[in-house]
Amino acid sequence: MLHLPLGEQQFVPLERLSAGSNTFTEEQTRKNYASASGLAVPSDPASSKLLIHPLAPEAGGDLFHSGGRQFETKE
């Protein structure tokens, strides 16, 4: 999931939920998809920032991921 608490700088510029809403509008969803899809490289998944960023550094991930280490390996 690509998200950060309110007020923190975002790695991916995502639309925020509207006040009082618990779902995204179709327009917000389209914008979020467009932002996130720029991080994926279907022809070369190993270079996709979307996939590499949450990996542990030992598995080739970035040194820092504010959401913690989501995956210890690429397996």
C-alpha atoms as a PDB file:
ATOM      1  CA  MET A   1       0.000   0.000   0.000  1.00  0.00           C
ATOM      2  CA  LEU A   2       1.294   3.454  -0.850  1.00  0.00           C
ATOM      3  CA  HIS A   3       0.355   5.771   1.953  1.00  0.00           C
ATOM      4  CA  LEU A   4       1.674   8.049   4.635  1.00  0.00           C
ATOM      5  CA  PRO A   5       0.050   9.672   7.655  1.00  0.00           C
ATOM      6  CA  LEU A   6      -1.436  13.088   7.042  1.00  0.00           C
ATOM      7  CA  GLY A   7       1.228  15.796   6.966  1.00  0.00           C
ATOM      8  CA  GLU A   8       4.186  13.611   6.008  1.00  0.00           C
ATOM      9  CA  GLN A   9       5.878  13.959   2.634  1.00  0.00           C
ATOM     10  CA  GLN A  10       4.745  11.291   0.236  1.00  0.00           C
ATOM     11  CA  PHE A  11       6.954   9.039  -1.858  1.00  0.00           C
ATOM     12  CA  VAL A  12       4.126   8.845  -4.411  1.00  0.00           C
ATOM     13  CA  PRO A  13       1.750  11.792  -4.786  1.00  0.00           C
ATOM     14  CA  LEU A  14      -1.557  10.105  -3.972  1.00  0.00           C
ATOM     15  CA  GLU A  15      -4.975  11.629  -3.717  1.00  0.00           C
ATOM     16  CA  ARG A  16      -6.289  11.797  -0.168  1.00  0.00           C
ATOM     17  CA  LEU A  17      -9.715  10.626   0.879  1.00  0.00           C
ATOM     18  CA  SER A  18     -12.285  13.387   0.973  1.00  0.00           C
ATOM     19  CA  ALA A  19     -13.284  14.517   4.458  1.00  0.00           C
ATOM     20  CA  GLY A  20     -15.749  12.067   5.974  1.00  0.00           C
ATOM     21  CA  SER A  21     -15.314   9.523   3.193  1.00  0.00           C
ATOM     22  CA  ASN A  22     -13.991   5.995   3.535  1.00  0.00           C
ATOM     23  CA  THR A  23     -13.699   5.285  -0.202  1.00  0.00           C
ATOM     24  CA  PHE A  24     -12.044   7.018  -3.132  1.00  0.00           C
ATOM     25  CA  THR A  25     -14.013   8.510  -6.002  1.00  0.00           C
ATOM     26  CA  GLU A  26     -13.461   7.107  -9.492  1.00  0.00           C
ATOM     27  CA  GLU A  27     -11.434  10.230 -10.386  1.00  0.00           C
ATOM     28  CA  GLN A  28      -9.238   9.880  -7.281  1.00  0.00           C
ATOM     29  CA  THR A  29      -8.712   6.200  -8.065  1.00  0.00           C
ATOM     30  CA  ARG A  30      -7.648   7.008 -11.633  1.00  0.00           C
ATOM     31  CA  LYS A  31      -5.173   9.642 -10.400  1.00  0.00           C
ATOM     32  CA  ASN A  32      -3.724   7.257  -7.798  1.00  0.00           C
ATOM     33  CA  TYR A  33      -3.364   4.533 -10.404  1.00  0.00           C
ATOM     34  CA  ALA A  34      -1.568   6.917 -12.766  1.00  0.00           C
ATOM     35  CA  SER A  35       0.843   7.983  -9.996  1.00  0.00           C
ATOM     36  CA  ALA A  36       1.634   4.449  -8.846  1.00  0.00           C
ATOM     37  CA  SER A  37       1.883   2.927 -12.313  1.00  0.00           C
ATOM     38  CA  GLY A  38       4.854   5.162 -13.067  1.00  0.00           C
ATOM     39  CA  LEU A  39       6.804   3.195 -10.465  1.00  0.00           C
ATOM     40  CA  ALA A  40       6.234  -0.200 -12.068  1.00  0.00           C
ATOM     41  CA  VAL A  41       8.276  -1.554 -14.979  1.00  0.00           C
ATOM     42  CA  PRO A  42       6.317  -4.547 -16.327  1.00  0.00           C
ATOM     43  CA  SER A  43       9.145  -5.571 -18.657  1.00  0.00           C
ATOM     44  CA  ASP A  44      11.696  -5.475 -15.797  1.00  0.00           C
ATOM     45  CA  PRO A  45      10.089  -6.073 -12.376  1.00  0.00           C
ATOM     46  CA  ALA A  46      13.517  -6.091 -10.686  1.00  0.00           C
ATOM     47  CA  SER A  47      13.875  -2.392 -11.476  1.00  0.00           C
ATOM     48  CA  SER A  48      10.343  -1.427 -10.381  1.00  0.00           C
ATOM     49  CA  LYS A  49      10.569   1.083  -7.530  1.00  0.00           C
ATOM     50  CA  LEU A  50       7.125  -0.077  -6.430  1.00  0.00           C
ATOM     51  CA  LEU A  51       8.480  -3.578  -5.801  1.00  0.00           C
ATOM     52  CA  ILE A  52      12.007  -2.760  -4.626  1.00  0.00           C
ATOM     53  CA  HIS A  53      11.292   0.004  -2.101  1.00  0.00           C
ATOM     54  CA  PRO A  54       9.628  -2.165   0.612  1.00  0.00           C
ATOM     55  CA  LEU A  55      12.218  -4.970   0.330  1.00  0.00           C
ATOM     56  CA  ALA A  56      14.776  -5.490   3.072  1.00  0.00           C
ATOM     57  CA  PRO A  57      18.176  -4.019   2.064  1.00  0.00           C
ATOM     58  CA  GLU A  58      19.665  -7.535   2.086  1.00  0.00           C
ATOM     59  CA  ALA A  59      17.192  -8.465  -0.665  1.00  0.00           C
ATOM     60  CA  GLY A  60      18.026  -5.398  -2.762  1.00  0.00           C
ATOM     61  CA  GLY A  61      15.603  -2.927  -1.212  1.00  0.00           C
ATOM     62  CA  ASP A  62      16.176   0.690  -0.255  1.00  0.00           C
ATOM     63  CA  LEU A  63      18.004   1.497   2.969  1.00  0.00           C
ATOM     64  CA  PHE A  64      14.957   3.320   4.347  1.00  0.00           C
ATOM     65  CA  HIS A  65      11.254   2.562   4.051  1.00  0.00           C
ATOM     66  CA  SER A  66       8.991   4.518   6.387  1.00  0.00           C
ATOM     67  CA  GLY A  67       6.431   1.711   6.297  1.00  0.00           C
ATOM     68  CA  GLY A  68       8.935  -0.801   7.615  1.00  0.00           C
ATOM     69  CA  ARG A  69      10.305  -3.867   5.901  1.00  0.00           C
ATOM     70  CA  GLN A  70       7.333  -5.522   4.282  1.00  0.00           C
ATOM     71  CA  PHE A  71       9.308  -8.263   2.520  1.00  0.00           C
ATOM     72  CA  GLU A  72      12.529  -9.952   3.629  1.00  0.00           C
ATOM     73  CA  THR A  73      13.168 -11.618   0.256  1.00  0.00           C
ATOM     74  CA  LYS A  74      12.035 -11.430  -3.374  1.00  0.00           C
ATOM     75  CA  GLU A  75      10.591 -14.958  -3.095  1.00  0.00           C
END
